[in-house]
Structure formats: structure tokens, C-alpha cells
Amino acid sequence: MTFWASPAGQLIILALGWAAIRLARRVLRHRWPHDLLTWDLMAPLFLLCSLFLIPRGAGQLLPWLVIGWMVIGIGVAVLQAIHNHELLYPKFLKTFWRLTDLYWVVGFSLCFLLTIS
């Protein structure tokens, strides 16, 4: 069990998750939603893998990452409300989740680098 909580185990979990999502997308190609990308389903894996790195040294960084994630959600809501004069839920969720993908890729990378250093 300690291997899966190690940085190398986290990279393997991410690689297996990526492969499983790609395989499911290929098998269900006619039923797979066209707007749903592989990266959209990887954000929870990046968050989960970041949580597994807490005992290895990423515990100081992770609360700040979660606070930043909340700030992104509030910022997207406020910007869309100001720009469009309304907050459309589907558009908000799509924008927020795509920014979440990018944010947790960077967040996991920082946790990973902090853990191996």
C-alpha cells in the first residue's frame, strides 16, 4: 500500500486513469458526449493524487491550493455575472471545470515537486 501513496505510485495512478478514460471513450465512441474531454475527467484524479501526497510533504501546500480553487470559482461566477449580466449555470460549470483542470494539473505538479525535493 505504501507504493501507491508514493510519488511514483501517483504517476502510475494518473497514467492508468488516463488509459482507462481513453479506452472507455474509444469503446463508447457513439455514446460518449462530444463536449466531454479526457482532461475533464482527470481533474478529480489530480485532486485525489494530491491528497495522497500530504503525508509525504505536500500538506503545507494543499490548503492553499483548495483556497485558490475556491477563489477561481468565485472569480468565474463574478466575471460571468458582470460580463453577461447573468449567470448561466451550464456556461459557468464548463468554464469553471476547464479552469479546474488546468489548476489541478499545476497544483499536482507543485505537490509532486515538493514531495520529491
PDB file of N, CA and C in Angstrom:
ATOM      1  N   MET A   1       0.813  -1.195   0.000  1.00  0.00           N
ATOM      2  CA  MET A   1       0.000   0.000   0.000  1.00  0.00           C
ATOM      3  C   MET A   1       0.857   1.259   0.000  1.00  0.00           C
ATOM      4  N   THR A   2       2.067   1.179   0.521  1.00  0.00           N
ATOM      5  CA  THR A   2       2.895   2.381   0.575  1.00  0.00           C
ATOM      6  C   THR A   2       3.364   2.787  -0.819  1.00  0.00           C
ATOM      7  N   PHE A   3       3.457   1.834  -1.740  1.00  0.00           N
ATOM      8  CA  PHE A   3       3.883   2.191  -3.092  1.00  0.00           C
ATOM      9  C   PHE A   3       2.865   3.121  -3.746  1.00  0.00           C
ATOM     10  N   TRP A   4       1.576   2.842  -3.550  1.00  0.00           N
ATOM     11  CA  TRP A   4       0.551   3.651  -4.196  1.00  0.00           C
ATOM     12  C   TRP A   4       0.465   5.054  -3.613  1.00  0.00           C
ATOM     13  N   ALA A   5       0.967   5.252  -2.399  1.00  0.00           N
ATOM     14  CA  ALA A   5       0.986   6.584  -1.791  1.00  0.00           C
ATOM     15  C   ALA A   5       2.284   7.329  -2.105  1.00  0.00           C
ATOM     16  N   SER A   6       3.221   6.677  -2.750  1.00  0.00           N
ATOM     17  CA  SER A   6       4.489   7.316  -3.102  1.00  0.00           C
ATOM     18  C   SER A   6       4.320   8.144  -4.377  1.00  0.00           C
ATOM     19  N   PRO A   7       5.255   9.047  -4.657  1.00  0.00           N
ATOM     20  CA  PRO A   7       5.156   9.842  -5.889  1.00  0.00           C
ATOM     21  C   PRO A   7       5.126   8.993  -7.160  1.00  0.00           C
ATOM     22  N   ALA A   8       5.911   7.916  -7.195  1.00  0.00           N
ATOM     23  CA  ALA A   8       5.896   7.046  -8.381  1.00  0.00           C
ATOM     24  C   ALA A   8       4.536   6.358  -8.523  1.00  0.00           C
ATOM     25  N   GLY A   9       3.952   5.959  -7.413  1.00  0.00           N
ATOM     26  CA  GLY A   9       2.630   5.343  -7.448  1.00  0.00           C
ATOM     27  C   GLY A   9       1.567   6.307  -7.942  1.00  0.00           C
ATOM     28  N   GLN A  10       1.706   7.574  -7.574  1.00  0.00           N
ATOM     29  CA  GLN A  10       0.745   8.574  -8.034  1.00  0.00           C
ATOM     30  C   GLN A  10       0.825   8.774  -9.546  1.00  0.00           C
ATOM     31  N   LEU A  11       2.038   8.761 -10.066  1.00  0.00           N
ATOM     32  CA  LEU A  11       2.189   8.877 -11.528  1.00  0.00           C
ATOM     33  C   LEU A  11       1.584   7.673 -12.242  1.00  0.00           C
ATOM     34  N   ILE A  12       1.725   6.495 -11.644  1.00  0.00           N
ATOM     35  CA  ILE A  12       1.140   5.299 -12.243  1.00  0.00           C
ATOM     36  C   ILE A  12      -0.385   5.361 -12.169  1.00  0.00           C
ATOM     37  N   ILE A  13      -0.930   5.851 -11.046  1.00  0.00           N
ATOM     38  CA  ILE A  13      -2.377   6.003 -10.927  1.00  0.00           C
ATOM     39  C   ILE A  13      -2.901   6.955 -12.000  1.00  0.00           C
ATOM     40  N   LEU A  14      -2.194   8.060 -12.212  1.00  0.00           N
ATOM     41  CA  LEU A  14      -2.620   9.014 -13.242  1.00  0.00           C
ATOM     42  C   LEU A  14      -2.526   8.407 -14.641  1.00  0.00           C
ATOM     43  N   ALA A  15      -1.468   7.653 -14.903  1.00  0.00           N
ATOM     44  CA  ALA A  15      -1.323   7.017 -16.214  1.00  0.00           C
ATOM     45  C   ALA A  15      -2.414   5.971 -16.439  1.00  0.00           C
ATOM     46  N   LEU A  16      -2.713   5.181 -15.407  1.00  0.00           N
ATOM     47  CA  LEU A  16      -3.775   4.185 -15.534  1.00  0.00           C
ATOM     48  C   LEU A  16      -5.142   4.849 -15.695  1.00  0.00           C
ATOM     49  N   GLY A  17      -5.372   5.938 -14.980  1.00  0.00           N
ATOM     50  CA  GLY A  17      -6.626   6.679 -15.128  1.00  0.00           C
ATOM     51  C   GLY A  17      -6.784   7.238 -16.520  1.00  0.00           C
ATOM     52  N   TRP A  18      -5.695   7.813 -17.043  1.00  0.00           N
ATOM     53  CA  TRP A  18      -5.718   8.354 -18.405  1.00  0.00           C
ATOM     54  C   TRP A  18      -6.038   7.243 -19.411  1.00  0.00           C
ATOM     55  N   ALA A  19      -5.367   6.098 -19.252  1.00  0.00           N
ATOM     56  CA  ALA A  19      -5.589   4.979 -20.178  1.00  0.00           C
ATOM     57  C   ALA A  19      -7.017   4.446 -20.072  1.00  0.00           C
ATOM     58  N   ALA A  20      -7.554   4.352 -18.858  1.00  0.00           N
ATOM     59  CA  ALA A  20      -8.917   3.843 -18.673  1.00  0.00           C
ATOM     60  C   ALA A  20      -9.946   4.785 -19.295  1.00  0.00           C
ATOM     61  N   ILE A  21      -9.747   6.084 -19.122  1.00  0.00           N
ATOM     62  CA  ILE A  21     -10.679   7.053 -19.707  1.00  0.00           C
ATOM     63  C   ILE A  21     -10.603   7.012 -21.232  1.00  0.00           C
ATOM     64  N   ARG A  22      -9.394   6.938 -21.771  1.00  0.00           N
ATOM     65  CA  ARG A  22      -9.247   6.862 -23.231  1.00  0.00           C
ATOM     66  C   ARG A  22      -9.871   5.588 -23.784  1.00  0.00           C
ATOM     67  N   LEU A  23      -9.696   4.471 -23.072  1.00  0.00           N
ATOM     68  CA  LEU A  23     -10.285   3.207 -23.508  1.00  0.00           C
ATOM     69  C   LEU A  23     -11.817   3.279 -23.467  1.00  0.00           C
ATOM     70  N   ALA A  24     -12.357   3.835 -22.388  1.00  0.00           N
ATOM     71  CA  ALA A  24     -13.812   3.975 -22.291  1.00  0.00           C
ATOM     72  C   ALA A  24     -14.348   4.894 -23.381  1.00  0.00           C
ATOM     73  N   ARG A  25     -13.599   5.931 -23.676  1.00  0.00           N
ATOM     74  CA  ARG A  25     -14.028   6.855 -24.741  1.00  0.00           C
ATOM     75  C   ARG A  25     -14.014   6.165 -26.105  1.00  0.00           C
ATOM     76  N   ARG A  26     -13.012   5.323 -26.326  1.00  0.00           N
ATOM     77  CA  ARG A  26     -12.926   4.613 -27.606  1.00  0.00           C
ATOM     78  C   ARG A  26     -14.029   3.555 -27.725  1.00  0.00           C
ATOM     79  N   VAL A  27     -14.307   2.835 -26.634  1.00  0.00           N
ATOM     80  CA  VAL A  27     -15.331   1.795 -26.661  1.00  0.00           C
ATOM     81  C   VAL A  27     -16.725   2.409 -26.810  1.00  0.00           C
ATOM     82  N   LEU A  28     -16.962   3.518 -26.124  1.00  0.00           N
ATOM     83  CA  LEU A  28     -18.283   4.159 -26.147  1.00  0.00           C
ATOM     84  C   LEU A  28     -18.322   5.352 -27.096  1.00  0.00           C
ATOM     85  N   ARG A  29     -17.625   5.257 -28.191  1.00  0.00           N
ATOM     86  CA  ARG A  29     -17.464   6.426 -29.067  1.00  0.00           C
ATOM     87  C   ARG A  29     -18.781   7.002 -29.563  1.00  0.00           C
ATOM     88  N   HIS A  30     -19.788   6.191 -29.784  1.00  0.00           N
ATOM     89  CA  HIS A  30     -21.072   6.699 -30.284  1.00  0.00           C
ATOM     90  C   HIS A  30     -21.934   7.270 -29.162  1.00  0.00           C
ATOM     91  N   ARG A  31     -21.710   6.815 -27.944  1.00  0.00           N
ATOM     92  CA  ARG A  31     -22.500   7.284 -26.810  1.00  0.00           C
ATOM     93  C   ARG A  31     -21.748   8.300 -25.953  1.00  0.00           C
ATOM     94  N   TRP A  32     -20.497   8.523 -26.237  1.00  0.00           N
ATOM     95  CA  TRP A  32     -19.674   9.449 -25.451  1.00  0.00           C
ATOM     96  C   TRP A  32     -20.056  10.886 -25.809  1.00  0.00           C
ATOM     97  N   PRO A  33     -20.316  11.737 -24.822  1.00  0.00           N
ATOM     98  CA  PRO A  33     -20.650  13.135 -25.120  1.00  0.00           C
ATOM     99  C   PRO A  33     -19.506  13.831 -25.850  1.00  0.00           C
ATOM    100  N   HIS A  34     -19.821  14.568 -26.887  1.00  0.00           N
ATOM    101  CA  HIS A  34     -18.792  15.187 -27.713  1.00  0.00           C
ATOM    102  C   HIS A  34     -18.023  16.275 -26.971  1.00  0.00           C
ATOM    103  N   ASP A  35     -18.668  16.962 -26.046  1.00  0.00           N
ATOM    104  CA  ASP A  35     -18.017  18.048 -25.323  1.00  0.00           C
ATOM    105  C   ASP A  35     -17.171  17.560 -24.152  1.00  0.00           C
ATOM    106  N   LEU A  36     -17.270  16.296 -23.797  1.00  0.00           N
ATOM    107  CA  LEU A  36     -16.540  15.757 -22.651  1.00  0.00           C
ATOM    108  C   LEU A  36     -15.165  15.278 -23.091  1.00  0.00           C
ATOM    109  N   LEU A  37     -14.135  15.951 -22.588  1.00  0.00           N
ATOM    110  CA  LEU A  37     -12.760  15.605 -22.920  1.00  0.00           C
ATOM    111  C   LEU A  37     -12.159  14.706 -21.849  1.00  0.00           C
ATOM    112  N   THR A  38     -11.049  14.088 -22.191  1.00  0.00           N
ATOM    113  CA  THR A  38     -10.355  13.249 -21.223  1.00  0.00           C
ATOM    114  C   THR A  38      -9.879  14.081 -20.038  1.00  0.00           C
ATOM    115  N   TRP A  39      -9.431  15.305 -20.301  1.00  0.00           N
ATOM    116  CA  TRP A  39      -8.941  16.176 -19.224  1.00  0.00           C
ATOM    117  C   TRP A  39     -10.050  16.512 -18.236  1.00  0.00           C
ATOM    118  N   ASP A  40     -11.300  16.551 -18.703  1.00  0.00           N
ATOM    119  CA  ASP A  40     -12.403  16.872 -17.811  1.00  0.00           C
ATOM    120  C   ASP A  40     -12.576  15.815 -16.722  1.00  0.00           C
ATOM    121  N   LEU A  41     -12.235  14.593 -17.014  1.00  0.00           N
ATOM    122  CA  LEU A  41     -12.351  13.517 -16.034  1.00  0.00           C
ATOM    123  C   LEU A  41     -11.061  13.286 -15.258  1.00  0.00           C
ATOM    124  N   MET A  42      -9.994  13.942 -15.656  1.00  0.00           N
ATOM    125  CA  MET A  42      -8.717  13.782 -14.949  1.00  0.00           C
ATOM    126  C   MET A  42      -8.589  14.706 -13.738  1.00  0.00           C
ATOM    127  N   ALA A  43      -9.354  15.786 -13.684  1.00  0.00           N
ATOM    128  CA  ALA A  43      -9.240  16.733 -12.567  1.00  0.00           C
ATOM    129  C   ALA A  43      -9.486  16.059 -11.212  1.00  0.00           C
ATOM    130  N   PRO A  44     -10.509  15.209 -11.054  1.00  0.00           N
ATOM    131  CA  PRO A  44     -10.651  14.527  -9.757  1.00  0.00           C
ATOM    132  C   PRO A  44      -9.473  13.617  -9.434  1.00  0.00           C
ATOM    133  N   LEU A  45      -8.879  12.992 -10.449  1.00  0.00           N
ATOM    134  CA  LEU A  45      -7.707  12.158 -10.197  1.00  0.00           C
ATOM    135  C   LEU A  45      -6.513  12.988  -9.732  1.00  0.00           C
ATOM    136  N   PHE A  46      -6.316  14.161 -10.340  1.00  0.00           N
ATOM    137  CA  PHE A  46      -5.233  15.033  -9.897  1.00  0.00           C
ATOM    138  C   PHE A  46      -5.461  15.481  -8.459  1.00  0.00           C
ATOM    139  N   LEU A  47      -6.699  15.811  -8.106  1.00  0.00           N
ATOM    140  CA  LEU A  47      -7.021  16.207  -6.738  1.00  0.00           C
ATOM    141  C   LEU A  47      -6.784  15.046  -5.774  1.00  0.00           C
ATOM    142  N   LEU A  48      -7.230  13.858  -6.121  1.00  0.00           N
ATOM    143  CA  LEU A  48      -7.043  12.684  -5.273  1.00  0.00           C
ATOM    144  C   LEU A  48      -5.567  12.355  -5.092  1.00  0.00           C
ATOM    145  N   CYS A  49      -4.814  12.408  -6.168  1.00  0.00           N
ATOM    146  CA  CYS A  49      -3.384  12.113  -6.073  1.00  0.00           C
ATOM    147  C   CYS A  49      -2.653  13.175  -5.251  1.00  0.00           C
ATOM    148  N   SER A  50      -3.099  14.416  -5.315  1.00  0.00           N
ATOM    149  CA  SER A  50      -2.512  15.459  -4.471  1.00  0.00           C
ATOM    150  C   SER A  50      -2.794  15.176  -3.005  1.00  0.00           C
ATOM    151  N   LEU A  51      -3.986  14.659  -2.701  1.00  0.00           N
ATOM    152  CA  LEU A  51      -4.314  14.317  -1.325  1.00  0.00           C
ATOM    153  C   LEU A  51      -3.449  13.181  -0.799  1.00  0.00           C
ATOM    154  N   PHE A  52      -3.114  12.234  -1.650  1.00  0.00           N
ATOM    155  CA  PHE A  52      -2.259  11.131  -1.226  1.00  0.00           C
ATOM    156  C   PHE A  52      -0.831  11.592  -0.928  1.00  0.00           C
ATOM    157  N   LEU A  53      -0.438  12.731  -1.467  1.00  0.00           N
ATOM    158  CA  LEU A  53       0.918  13.225  -1.238  1.00  0.00           C
ATOM    159  C   LEU A  53       1.042  14.060   0.034  1.00  0.00           C
ATOM    160  N   ILE A  54      -0.040  14.232   0.787  1.00  0.00           N
ATOM    161  CA  ILE A  54       0.020  15.033   2.022  1.00  0.00           C
ATOM    162  C   ILE A  54       1.019  14.465   3.030  1.00  0.00           C
ATOM    163  N   PRO A  55       0.976  13.172   3.347  1.00  0.00           N
ATOM    164  CA  PRO A  55       1.933  12.677   4.350  1.00  0.00           C
ATOM    165  C   PRO A  55       3.389  12.737   3.881  1.00  0.00           C
ATOM    166  N   ARG A  56       3.610  12.843   2.599  1.00  0.00           N
ATOM    167  CA  ARG A  56       4.972  12.852   2.070  1.00  0.00           C
ATOM    168  C   ARG A  56       5.567  14.253   1.979  1.00  0.00           C
ATOM    169  N   GLY A  57       4.821  15.282   2.367  1.00  0.00           N
ATOM    170  CA  GLY A  57       5.395  16.619   2.375  1.00  0.00           C
ATOM    171  C   GLY A  57       4.583  17.689   1.676  1.00  0.00           C
ATOM    172  N   ALA A  58       3.460  17.330   1.084  1.00  0.00           N
ATOM    173  CA  ALA A  58       2.652  18.318   0.364  1.00  0.00           C
ATOM    174  C   ALA A  58       1.555  18.905   1.244  1.00  0.00           C
ATOM    175  N   GLY A  59       1.549  18.591   2.525  1.00  0.00           N
ATOM    176  CA  GLY A  59       0.498  19.034   3.424  1.00  0.00           C
ATOM    177  C   GLY A  59       0.473  20.534   3.645  1.00  0.00           C
ATOM    178  N   GLN A  60       1.607  21.200   3.490  1.00  0.00           N
ATOM    179  CA  GLN A  60       1.642  22.644   3.691  1.00  0.00           C
ATOM    180  C   GLN A  60       1.054  23.389   2.504  1.00  0.00           C
ATOM    181  N   LEU A  61       1.129  22.818   1.337  1.00  0.00           N
ATOM    182  CA  LEU A  61       0.689  23.483   0.119  1.00  0.00           C
ATOM    183  C   LEU A  61      -0.783  23.244  -0.200  1.00  0.00           C
ATOM    184  N   LEU A  62      -1.299  22.091   0.168  1.00  0.00           N
ATOM    185  CA  LEU A  62      -2.640  21.705  -0.259  1.00  0.00           C
ATOM    186  C   LEU A  62      -3.760  22.615   0.253  1.00  0.00           C
ATOM    187  N   PRO A  63      -3.749  23.087   1.503  1.00  0.00           N
ATOM    188  CA  PRO A  63      -4.821  24.018   1.904  1.00  0.00           C
ATOM    189  C   PRO A  63      -4.840  25.288   1.061  1.00  0.00           C
ATOM    190  N   TRP A  64      -3.688  25.776   0.677  1.00  0.00           N
ATOM    191  CA  TRP A  64      -3.624  26.971  -0.164  1.00  0.00           C
ATOM    192  C   TRP A  64      -4.145  26.682  -1.563  1.00  0.00           C
ATOM    193  N   LEU A  65      -3.920  25.467  -2.048  1.00  0.00           N
ATOM    194  CA  LEU A  65      -4.464  25.089  -3.357  1.00  0.00           C
ATOM    195  C   LEU A  65      -5.985  25.042  -3.324  1.00  0.00           C
ATOM    196  N   VAL A  66      -6.552  24.525  -2.244  1.00  0.00           N
ATOM    197  CA  VAL A  66      -8.010  24.458  -2.132  1.00  0.00           C
ATOM    198  C   VAL A  66      -8.596  25.868  -2.019  1.00  0.00           C
ATOM    199  N   ILE A  67      -7.946  26.745  -1.262  1.00  0.00           N
ATOM    200  CA  ILE A  67      -8.407  28.128  -1.166  1.00  0.00           C
ATOM    201  C   ILE A  67      -8.341  28.803  -2.536  1.00  0.00           C
ATOM    202  N   GLY A  68      -7.268  28.568  -3.275  1.00  0.00           N
ATOM    203  CA  GLY A  68      -7.159  29.121  -4.625  1.00  0.00           C
ATOM    204  C   GLY A  68      -8.240  28.596  -5.551  1.00  0.00           C
ATOM    205  N   TRP A  69      -8.600  27.331  -5.384  1.00  0.00           N
ATOM    206  CA  TRP A  69      -9.658  26.729  -6.193  1.00  0.00           C
ATOM    207  C   TRP A  69     -10.996  27.411  -5.911  1.00  0.00           C
ATOM    208  N   MET A  70     -11.251  27.710  -4.633  1.00  0.00           N
ATOM    209  CA  MET A  70     -12.480  28.423  -4.280  1.00  0.00           C
ATOM    210  C   MET A  70     -12.480  29.838  -4.857  1.00  0.00           C
ATOM    211  N   VAL A  71     -11.340  30.481  -4.842  1.00  0.00           N
ATOM    212  CA  VAL A  71     -11.234  31.832  -5.404  1.00  0.00           C
ATOM    213  C   VAL A  71     -11.508  31.805  -6.908  1.00  0.00           C
ATOM    214  N   ILE A  72     -11.036  30.774  -7.576  1.00  0.00           N
ATOM    215  CA  ILE A  72     -11.307  30.635  -9.010  1.00  0.00           C
ATOM    216  C   ILE A  72     -12.816  30.509  -9.250  1.00  0.00           C
ATOM    217  N   GLY A  73     -13.499  29.706  -8.444  1.00  0.00           N
ATOM    218  CA  GLY A  73     -14.943  29.550  -8.592  1.00  0.00           C
ATOM    219  C   GLY A  73     -15.688  30.853  -8.379  1.00  0.00           C
ATOM    220  N   ILE A  74     -15.315  31.584  -7.342  1.00  0.00           N
ATOM    221  CA  ILE A  74     -15.961  32.873  -7.086  1.00  0.00           C
ATOM    222  C   ILE A  74     -15.637  33.863  -8.200  1.00  0.00           C
ATOM    223  N   GLY A  75     -14.385  33.864  -8.647  1.00  0.00           N
ATOM    224  CA  GLY A  75     -13.974  34.776  -9.713  1.00  0.00           C
ATOM    225  C   GLY A  75     -14.695  34.509 -11.021  1.00  0.00           C
ATOM    226  N   VAL A  76     -14.841  33.243 -11.383  1.00  0.00           N
ATOM    227  CA  VAL A  76     -15.554  32.906 -12.623  1.00  0.00           C
ATOM    228  C   VAL A  76     -17.010  33.332 -12.518  1.00  0.00           C
ATOM    229  N   ALA A  77     -17.639  33.105 -11.358  1.00  0.00           N
ATOM    230  CA  ALA A  77     -19.042  33.498 -11.185  1.00  0.00           C
ATOM    231  C   ALA A  77     -19.207  35.008 -11.288  1.00  0.00           C
ATOM    232  N   VAL A  78     -18.328  35.755 -10.626  1.00  0.00           N
ATOM    233  CA  VAL A  78     -18.437  37.212 -10.650  1.00  0.00           C
ATOM    234  C   VAL A  78     -18.154  37.751 -12.054  1.00  0.00           C
ATOM    235  N   LEU A  79     -17.109  37.247 -12.710  1.00  0.00           N
ATOM    236  CA  LEU A  79     -16.783  37.735 -14.051  1.00  0.00           C
ATOM    237  C   LEU A  79     -17.887  37.437 -15.059  1.00  0.00           C
ATOM    238  N   GLN A  80     -18.477  36.257 -14.980  1.00  0.00           N
ATOM    239  CA  GLN A  80     -19.568  35.954 -15.906  1.00  0.00           C
ATOM    240  C   GLN A  80     -20.807  36.787 -15.606  1.00  0.00           C
ATOM    241  N   ALA A  81     -21.055  37.045 -14.340  1.00  0.00           N
ATOM    242  CA  ALA A  81     -22.208  37.883 -13.986  1.00  0.00           C
ATOM    243  C   ALA A  81     -22.000  39.314 -14.462  1.00  0.00           C
ATOM    244  N   ILE A  82     -20.783  39.833 -14.357  1.00  0.00           N
ATOM    245  CA  ILE A  82     -20.505  41.199 -14.810  1.00  0.00           C
ATOM    246  C   ILE A  82     -20.513  41.272 -16.333  1.00  0.00           C
ATOM    247  N   HIS A  83     -19.872  40.317 -16.975  1.00  0.00           N
ATOM    248  CA  HIS A  83     -19.733  40.352 -18.433  1.00  0.00           C
ATOM    249  C   HIS A  83     -21.052  40.087 -19.141  1.00  0.00           C
ATOM    250  N   ASN A  84     -21.798  39.088 -18.707  1.00  0.00           N
ATOM    251  CA  ASN A  84     -23.028  38.692 -19.397  1.00  0.00           C
ATOM    252  C   ASN A  84     -24.295  39.242 -18.744  1.00  0.00           C
ATOM    253  N   HIS A  85     -24.165  39.909 -17.621  1.00  0.00           N
ATOM    254  CA  HIS A  85     -25.298  40.437 -16.851  1.00  0.00           C
ATOM    255  C   HIS A  85     -26.226  39.334 -16.371  1.00  0.00           C
ATOM    256  N   GLU A  86     -25.759  38.107 -16.392  1.00  0.00           N
ATOM    257  CA  GLU A  86     -26.493  36.970 -15.849  1.00  0.00           C
ATOM    258  C   GLU A  86     -25.506  35.827 -15.670  1.00  0.00           C
ATOM    259  N   LEU A  87     -25.884  34.888 -14.844  1.00  0.00           N
ATOM    260  CA  LEU A  87     -25.033  33.732 -14.599  1.00  0.00           C
ATOM    261  C   LEU A  87     -25.750  32.493 -15.115  1.00  0.00           C
ATOM    262  N   LEU A  88     -25.293  32.017 -16.255  1.00  0.00           N
ATOM    263  CA  LEU A  88     -25.879  30.817 -16.841  1.00  0.00           C
ATOM    264  C   LEU A  88     -25.144  29.609 -16.285  1.00  0.00           C
ATOM    265  N   TYR A  89     -25.883  28.734 -15.641  1.00  0.00           N
ATOM    266  CA  TYR A  89     -25.285  27.617 -14.935  1.00  0.00           C
ATOM    267  C   TYR A  89     -24.452  26.700 -15.837  1.00  0.00           C
ATOM    268  N   PRO A  90     -24.932  26.270 -17.014  1.00  0.00           N
ATOM    269  CA  PRO A  90     -24.101  25.386 -17.859  1.00  0.00           C
ATOM    270  C   PRO A  90     -22.804  26.059 -18.316  1.00  0.00           C
ATOM    271  N   LYS A  91     -22.896  27.320 -18.674  1.00  0.00           N
ATOM    272  CA  LYS A  91     -21.695  28.034 -19.128  1.00  0.00           C
ATOM    273  C   LYS A  91     -20.715  28.224 -17.972  1.00  0.00           C
ATOM    274  N   PHE A  92     -21.237  28.530 -16.778  1.00  0.00           N
ATOM    275  CA  PHE A  92     -20.377  28.675 -15.609  1.00  0.00           C
ATOM    276  C   PHE A  92     -19.662  27.372 -15.304  1.00  0.00           C
ATOM    277  N   LEU A  93     -20.416  26.261 -15.282  1.00  0.00           N
ATOM    278  CA  LEU A  93     -19.801  24.976 -14.944  1.00  0.00           C
ATOM    279  C   LEU A  93     -18.721  24.574 -15.943  1.00  0.00           C
ATOM    280  N   LYS A  94     -18.983  24.788 -17.224  1.00  0.00           N
ATOM    281  CA  LYS A  94     -17.999  24.407 -18.230  1.00  0.00           C
ATOM    282  C   LYS A  94     -16.725  25.252 -18.086  1.00  0.00           C
ATOM    283  N   THR A  95     -16.888  26.557 -17.899  1.00  0.00           N
ATOM    284  CA  THR A  95     -15.726  27.432 -17.738  1.00  0.00           C
ATOM    285  C   THR A  95     -14.977  27.102 -16.463  1.00  0.00           C
ATOM    286  N   PHE A  96     -15.715  26.938 -15.364  1.00  0.00           N
ATOM    287  CA  PHE A  96     -15.081  26.632 -14.084  1.00  0.00           C
ATOM    288  C   PHE A  96     -14.347  25.299 -14.133  1.00  0.00           C
ATOM    289  N   TRP A  97     -14.959  24.286 -14.756  1.00  0.00           N
ATOM    290  CA  TRP A  97     -14.326  22.967 -14.756  1.00  0.00           C
ATOM    291  C   TRP A  97     -13.083  22.942 -15.651  1.00  0.00           C
ATOM    292  N   ARG A  98     -13.099  23.665 -16.762  1.00  0.00           N
ATOM    293  CA  ARG A  98     -11.910  23.718 -17.616  1.00  0.00           C
ATOM    294  C   ARG A  98     -10.770  24.435 -16.895  1.00  0.00           C
ATOM    295  N   LEU A  99     -11.072  25.493 -16.153  1.00  0.00           N
ATOM    296  CA  LEU A  99     -10.041  26.148 -15.349  1.00  0.00           C
ATOM    297  C   LEU A  99      -9.584  25.244 -14.202  1.00  0.00           C
ATOM    298  N   THR A 100     -10.501  24.441 -13.667  1.00  0.00           N
ATOM    299  CA  THR A 100     -10.141  23.483 -12.629  1.00  0.00           C
ATOM    300  C   THR A 100      -9.144  22.464 -13.157  1.00  0.00           C
ATOM    301  N   ASP A 101      -9.350  22.010 -14.381  1.00  0.00           N
ATOM    302  CA  ASP A 101      -8.403  21.065 -14.991  1.00  0.00           C
ATOM    303  C   ASP A 101      -6.997  21.644 -14.999  1.00  0.00           C
ATOM    304  N   LEU A 102      -6.874  22.841 -15.508  1.00  0.00           N
ATOM    305  CA  LEU A 102      -5.559  23.474 -15.568  1.00  0.00           C
ATOM    306  C   LEU A 102      -4.986  23.724 -14.175  1.00  0.00           C
ATOM    307  N   TYR A 103      -5.831  24.167 -13.274  1.00  0.00           N
ATOM    308  CA  TYR A 103      -5.378  24.499 -11.932  1.00  0.00           C
ATOM    309  C   TYR A 103      -4.852  23.270 -11.205  1.00  0.00           C
ATOM    310  N   TRP A 104      -5.544  22.131 -11.301  1.00  0.00           N
ATOM    311  CA  TRP A 104      -5.097  20.946 -10.577  1.00  0.00           C
ATOM    312  C   TRP A 104      -3.925  20.247 -11.251  1.00  0.00           C
ATOM    313  N   VAL A 105      -3.738  20.456 -12.534  1.00  0.00           N
ATOM    314  CA  VAL A 105      -2.502  19.958 -13.159  1.00  0.00           C
ATOM    315  C   VAL A 105      -1.308  20.683 -12.558  1.00  0.00           C
ATOM    316  N   VAL A 106      -1.420  22.003 -12.462  1.00  0.00           N
ATOM    317  CA  VAL A 106      -0.345  22.799 -11.857  1.00  0.00           C
ATOM    318  C   VAL A 106      -0.218  22.478 -10.374  1.00  0.00           C
ATOM    319  N   GLY A 107      -1.357  22.346  -9.678  1.00  0.00           N
ATOM    320  CA  GLY A 107      -1.338  22.037  -8.251  1.00  0.00           C
ATOM    321  C   GLY A 107      -0.704  20.697  -7.955  1.00  0.00           C
ATOM    322  N   PHE A 108      -1.062  19.678  -8.729  1.00  0.00           N
ATOM    323  CA  PHE A 108      -0.443  18.368  -8.528  1.00  0.00           C
ATOM    324  C   PHE A 108       1.045  18.432  -8.831  1.00  0.00           C
ATOM    325  N   SER A 109       1.416  19.160  -9.867  1.00  0.00           N
ATOM    326  CA  SER A 109       2.836  19.278 -10.205  1.00  0.00           C
ATOM    327  C   SER A 109       3.619  19.918  -9.059  1.00  0.00           C
ATOM    328  N   LEU A 110       3.053  20.951  -8.453  1.00  0.00           N
ATOM    329  CA  LEU A 110       3.721  21.589  -7.318  1.00  0.00           C
ATOM    330  C   LEU A 110       3.822  20.649  -6.123  1.00  0.00           C
ATOM    331  N   CYS A 111       2.735  19.921  -5.820  1.00  0.00           N
ATOM    332  CA  CYS A 111       2.772  18.945  -4.726  1.00  0.00           C
ATOM    333  C   CYS A 111       3.792  17.841  -5.010  1.00  0.00           C
ATOM    334  N   PHE A 112       3.836  17.399  -6.243  1.00  0.00           N
ATOM    335  CA  PHE A 112       4.776  16.347  -6.637  1.00  0.00           C
ATOM    336  C   PHE A 112       6.218  16.830  -6.487  1.00  0.00           C
ATOM    337  N   LEU A 113       6.488  18.042  -6.965  1.00  0.00           N
ATOM    338  CA  LEU A 113       7.841  18.580  -6.863  1.00  0.00           C
ATOM    339  C   LEU A 113       8.237  18.835  -5.402  1.00  0.00           C
ATOM    340  N   LEU A 114       7.288  19.264  -4.582  1.00  0.00           N
ATOM    341  CA  LEU A 114       7.562  19.479  -3.174  1.00  0.00           C
ATOM    342  C   LEU A 114       7.848  18.156  -2.467  1.00  0.00           C
ATOM    343  N   THR A 115       7.168  17.106  -2.892  1.00  0.00           N
ATOM    344  CA  THR A 115       7.343  15.795  -2.281  1.00  0.00           C
ATOM    345  C   THR A 115       8.691  15.168  -2.646  1.00  0.00           C
ATOM    346  N   ILE A 116       9.110  15.298  -3.899  1.00  0.00           N
ATOM    347  CA  ILE A 116      10.359  14.643  -4.303  1.00  0.00           C
ATOM    348  C   ILE A 116      11.585  15.463  -3.954  1.00  0.00           C
ATOM    349  N   SER A 117      11.412  16.726  -3.562  1.00  0.00           N
ATOM    350  CA  SER A 117      12.580  17.539  -3.231  1.00  0.00           C
ATOM    351  C   SER A 117      13.040  17.315  -1.818  1.00  0.00           C
TER     352      SER A 117
END
